[in-house]
Amino acid sequence: MDHLPAGTHPCSCTRKRHTAKLVVLTGGPGGGKTAILEMARRYFCRHVVLLPEAASIVFSGGFPRLSNDAGHRASQHAIFAIQREMERLALAIDDAAVILCDRGTLDGLAYWPGTSRGLFGAHGTTLHEELARYAAVIHVETAGPEAYQRVGTRLETVEEARKIDARIRKAWDKHPLRYVISSSSNFLDKATVALELVRTQMPDCCRSHPHVPKS
């Protein structure tokens, strides 16, 4: 792939440039983020750019996955750097209106053995600056035991996943526009709400084009 993926739904918008917003789709493992992102690709237009998960890029590429503090710090520094560079690339796309991120830079705090200053200070930024980067945060809670699945690079049990979900939720607590979609909803309901929240971040010229599914 030599380009960032984007929505494929037809759009008649003729604007050559938009002011792009970063929108985070986050939550613990097993919440349905991957499926929601695939739905976003089909339901939104080309002005919605989708960023893959930086952690998956790091670990699927062979980065050592050590369970000690040094390992957690090293992997989170790598994930942070890749996340920021992908965001930088997406923000440089002239016709991008919404950049839908599979997690954001604050997700690393759920795995970081220390304070936010230790993670962000090493990259010349702060918690406040990172929160301000994102226009909205959509948190999809980890599924309950009856629906949780361990697939791909996911190593966590459902109990571990729900603890991670809680830590991620805490990491984003101070964001002024953070939505939480409950795990008690069925997947289609969760997806419909998530896609509608993304749609509200789109410019008026694109907002009428998405075909958001009905639950």
Protein backbone atom coordinates (compact mmCIF):
# COMPACT_ATOMS: atom_id res chain seq x y z
CA MET A 1 0.00 0.00 0.00
CA ASP A 2 1.54 3.32 -1.11
CA HIS A 3 -1.12 5.59 0.34
CA LEU A 4 -3.24 5.97 3.46
CA PRO A 5 -6.65 4.29 3.25
CA ALA A 6 -9.71 6.52 2.97
CA GLY A 7 -13.46 6.22 2.68
CA THR A 8 -14.86 4.87 -0.57
CA HIS A 9 -18.48 6.11 -0.49
CA PRO A 10 -19.20 8.51 -3.40
CA CYS A 11 -18.94 12.21 -2.57
CA SER A 12 -19.82 15.18 -4.76
CA CYS A 13 -17.85 17.71 -2.70
CA THR A 14 -15.60 19.75 -5.01
CA ARG A 15 -13.56 21.58 -2.37
CA LYS A 16 -9.84 21.15 -3.02
CA ARG A 17 -8.81 21.69 0.57
CA HIS A 18 -10.36 21.04 3.98
CA THR A 19 -9.18 21.84 7.47
CA ALA A 20 -8.49 18.35 8.76
CA LYS A 21 -9.50 17.16 12.22
CA LEU A 22 -7.95 14.28 14.12
CA VAL A 23 -10.62 12.01 15.62
CA VAL A 24 -9.65 9.05 17.81
CA LEU A 25 -11.44 5.72 17.91
CA THR A 26 -10.18 3.95 21.00
CA GLY A 27 -11.10 1.48 23.74
CA GLY A 28 -9.83 -1.75 25.21
CA PRO A 29 -9.06 -4.87 23.20
CA GLY A 30 -12.09 -6.64 21.74
CA GLY A 31 -14.40 -3.63 21.57
CA GLY A 32 -14.96 -3.82 17.82
CA LYS A 33 -12.73 -0.96 16.68
CA THR A 34 -11.30 -2.85 13.69
CA ALA A 35 -14.74 -3.73 12.36
CA ILE A 36 -16.00 -0.17 12.89
CA LEU A 37 -13.02 1.21 10.97
CA GLU A 38 -13.76 -1.14 8.08
CA MET A 39 -17.37 0.04 8.10
CA ALA A 40 -16.13 3.64 8.09
CA ARG A 41 -14.13 2.90 4.96
CA ARG A 42 -17.32 1.79 3.20
CA TYR A 43 -19.75 4.37 4.61
CA PHE A 44 -17.66 7.56 4.43
CA CYS A 45 -16.23 9.46 1.48
CA ARG A 46 -12.61 9.94 0.42
CA HIS A 47 -12.29 12.96 2.71
CA VAL A 48 -12.18 10.63 5.72
CA VAL A 49 -8.66 9.21 6.02
CA LEU A 50 -8.17 6.14 8.22
CA LEU A 51 -4.98 5.57 10.19
CA PRO A 52 -4.02 2.02 11.18
CA GLU A 53 -3.10 1.11 14.74
CA ALA A 54 0.52 2.02 15.46
CA ALA A 55 0.89 -0.78 18.03
CA SER A 56 -0.06 -3.41 15.45
CA ILE A 57 2.55 -2.00 13.06
CA VAL A 58 5.20 -2.14 15.78
CA PHE A 59 4.48 -5.64 17.08
CA SER A 60 3.61 -7.29 13.77
CA GLY A 61 6.92 -5.94 12.47
CA GLY A 62 8.87 -7.89 15.06
CA PHE A 63 9.49 -5.29 17.78
CA PRO A 64 10.40 -7.12 21.03
CA ARG A 65 7.37 -7.47 23.27
CA LEU A 66 9.00 -7.60 26.69
CA SER A 67 6.86 -7.52 29.84
CA ASN A 68 9.28 -5.57 32.08
CA ASP A 69 9.30 -1.80 32.56
CA ALA A 70 12.14 -1.25 30.09
CA GLY A 71 10.21 -3.22 27.47
CA HIS A 72 7.01 -1.24 28.05
CA ARG A 73 8.88 2.07 27.79
CA ALA A 74 10.70 1.09 24.60
CA SER A 75 7.57 -0.18 22.85
CA GLN A 76 5.46 2.84 23.87
CA HIS A 77 8.13 5.26 22.63
CA ALA A 78 8.14 3.43 19.28
CA ILE A 79 4.33 3.42 19.10
CA PHE A 80 4.14 7.11 19.98
CA ALA A 81 6.65 8.05 17.27
CA ILE A 82 4.84 6.04 14.58
CA GLN A 83 1.47 7.45 15.64
CA ARG A 84 2.68 11.04 15.40
CA GLU A 85 4.34 10.47 12.02
CA MET A 86 1.21 8.86 10.56
CA GLU A 87 -0.85 11.78 11.81
CA ARG A 88 1.64 14.21 10.26
CA LEU A 89 1.36 12.45 6.90
CA ALA A 90 -2.43 12.46 7.02
CA LEU A 91 -2.63 16.14 7.98
CA ALA A 92 -0.59 16.96 4.87
CA ILE A 93 -3.29 15.51 2.57
CA ASP A 94 -5.06 18.52 1.06
CA ASP A 95 -8.54 17.02 0.77
CA ALA A 96 -8.58 15.23 4.13
CA ALA A 97 -11.42 16.52 6.31
CA VAL A 98 -11.42 13.94 9.11
CA ILE A 99 -8.50 11.72 10.04
CA LEU A 100 -9.94 8.75 11.93
CA CYS A 101 -7.19 7.29 14.10
CA ASP A 102 -7.15 3.72 15.39
CA ARG A 103 -6.06 4.89 18.86
CA GLY A 104 -4.17 8.09 19.69
CA THR A 105 -1.03 9.11 21.53
CA LEU A 106 -2.68 9.03 24.96
CA ASP A 107 -3.46 5.32 24.65
CA GLY A 108 0.16 4.62 25.54
CA LEU A 109 -0.51 5.81 29.10
CA ALA A 110 -2.50 2.61 29.69
CA TYR A 111 0.75 0.65 29.32
CA TRP A 112 3.30 3.21 30.52
CA PRO A 113 5.06 2.43 33.86
CA GLY A 114 5.08 5.95 35.21
CA THR A 115 3.59 9.41 34.77
CA SER A 116 2.57 11.07 31.50
CA ARG A 117 5.57 13.38 31.80
CA GLY A 118 7.90 10.41 31.34
CA LEU A 119 6.27 9.43 28.06
CA PHE A 120 5.44 12.80 26.55
CA GLY A 121 8.45 14.71 27.88
CA ALA A 122 10.78 12.43 25.96
CA HIS A 123 9.04 13.55 22.76
CA GLY A 124 9.02 17.25 23.60
CA THR A 125 5.32 17.48 24.35
CA THR A 126 2.89 17.42 27.29
CA LEU A 127 -0.38 15.78 28.24
CA HIS A 128 -2.20 19.08 27.62
CA GLU A 129 -0.69 19.44 24.14
CA GLU A 130 -1.56 15.88 23.20
CA LEU A 131 -5.16 16.26 24.35
CA ALA A 132 -5.45 19.43 22.26
CA ARG A 133 -4.35 17.60 19.09
CA TYR A 134 -7.60 15.67 18.83
CA ALA A 135 -11.01 17.16 18.00
CA ALA A 136 -12.98 14.25 19.47
CA VAL A 137 -12.43 10.88 21.13
CA ILE A 138 -14.79 7.92 20.68
CA HIS A 139 -14.21 5.18 23.24
CA VAL A 140 -15.74 1.80 22.43
CA GLU A 141 -15.71 -0.36 25.54
CA THR A 142 -14.30 -3.90 25.52
CA ALA A 143 -16.96 -6.53 24.85
CA GLY A 144 -18.31 -8.64 27.67
CA PRO A 145 -17.18 -12.25 28.28
CA GLU A 146 -19.84 -13.69 25.95
CA ALA A 147 -18.61 -11.67 22.94
CA TYR A 148 -14.88 -11.22 23.57
CA GLN A 149 -12.47 -12.90 21.13
CA ARG A 150 -8.69 -13.30 21.18
CA VAL A 151 -7.46 -12.78 17.62
CA GLY A 152 -4.39 -11.48 15.77
CA THR A 153 -1.84 -9.84 18.08
CA ARG A 154 -4.30 -9.77 20.99
CA LEU A 155 -2.84 -11.64 23.95
CA GLU A 156 -5.15 -10.50 26.74
CA THR A 157 -7.85 -12.49 28.48
CA VAL A 158 -11.23 -10.77 28.80
CA GLU A 159 -10.42 -9.79 32.40
CA GLU A 160 -7.10 -8.26 31.34
CA ALA A 161 -8.74 -6.53 28.38
CA ARG A 162 -11.35 -4.89 30.58
CA LYS A 163 -8.65 -3.60 32.93
CA ILE A 164 -6.81 -2.10 29.94
CA ASP A 165 -10.10 -0.59 28.78
CA ALA A 166 -10.46 1.14 32.15
CA ARG A 167 -6.90 2.50 31.99
CA ILE A 168 -7.43 3.84 28.45
CA ARG A 169 -10.68 5.45 29.53
CA LYS A 170 -8.84 7.14 32.41
CA ALA A 171 -6.06 8.33 30.08
CA TRP A 172 -8.59 10.29 28.00
CA ASP A 173 -10.68 11.53 30.95
CA LYS A 174 -9.64 15.16 30.51
CA HIS A 175 -10.53 15.42 26.84
CA PRO A 176 -13.38 17.95 26.45
CA LEU A 177 -15.18 15.94 23.74
CA ARG A 178 -14.90 12.28 24.73
CA TYR A 179 -17.76 9.85 24.08
CA VAL A 180 -18.02 6.40 25.67
CA ILE A 181 -20.03 3.67 23.93
CA SER A 182 -21.06 1.01 26.44
CA SER A 183 -20.14 -2.64 26.11
CA SER A 184 -23.76 -3.48 26.99
CA SER A 185 -24.85 -2.47 23.47
CA ASN A 186 -24.82 -5.03 20.67
CA PHE A 187 -22.16 -4.51 18.01
CA LEU A 188 -24.40 -2.96 15.36
CA ASP A 189 -25.72 -0.42 17.87
CA LYS A 190 -22.14 0.41 18.93
CA ALA A 191 -21.03 0.77 15.31
CA THR A 192 -24.01 2.96 14.38
CA VAL A 193 -23.37 5.34 17.27
CA ALA A 194 -19.62 5.47 16.54
CA LEU A 195 -20.13 6.23 12.84
CA GLU A 196 -22.71 8.90 13.61
CA LEU A 197 -20.28 10.56 16.02
CA VAL A 198 -17.63 10.59 13.30
CA ARG A 199 -20.15 12.07 10.88
CA THR A 200 -20.76 15.02 13.22
CA GLN A 201 -17.08 15.94 12.84
CA MET A 202 -17.29 16.10 9.04
CA PRO A 203 -17.72 19.40 7.16
CA ASP A 204 -21.18 20.26 5.87
CA CYS A 205 -20.11 19.62 2.26
CA CYS A 206 -19.47 15.95 3.09
CA ARG A 207 -21.90 15.33 5.94
CA SER A 208 -24.88 14.43 3.77
CA HIS A 209 -23.02 11.75 1.79
CA PRO A 210 -22.31 8.97 4.33
CA HIS A 211 -24.75 6.07 4.39
CA VAL A 212 -24.69 5.27 8.10
CA PRO A 213 -26.31 1.91 8.89
CA LYS A 214 -29.40 1.76 11.06
CA SER A 215 -29.43 -0.47 14.12
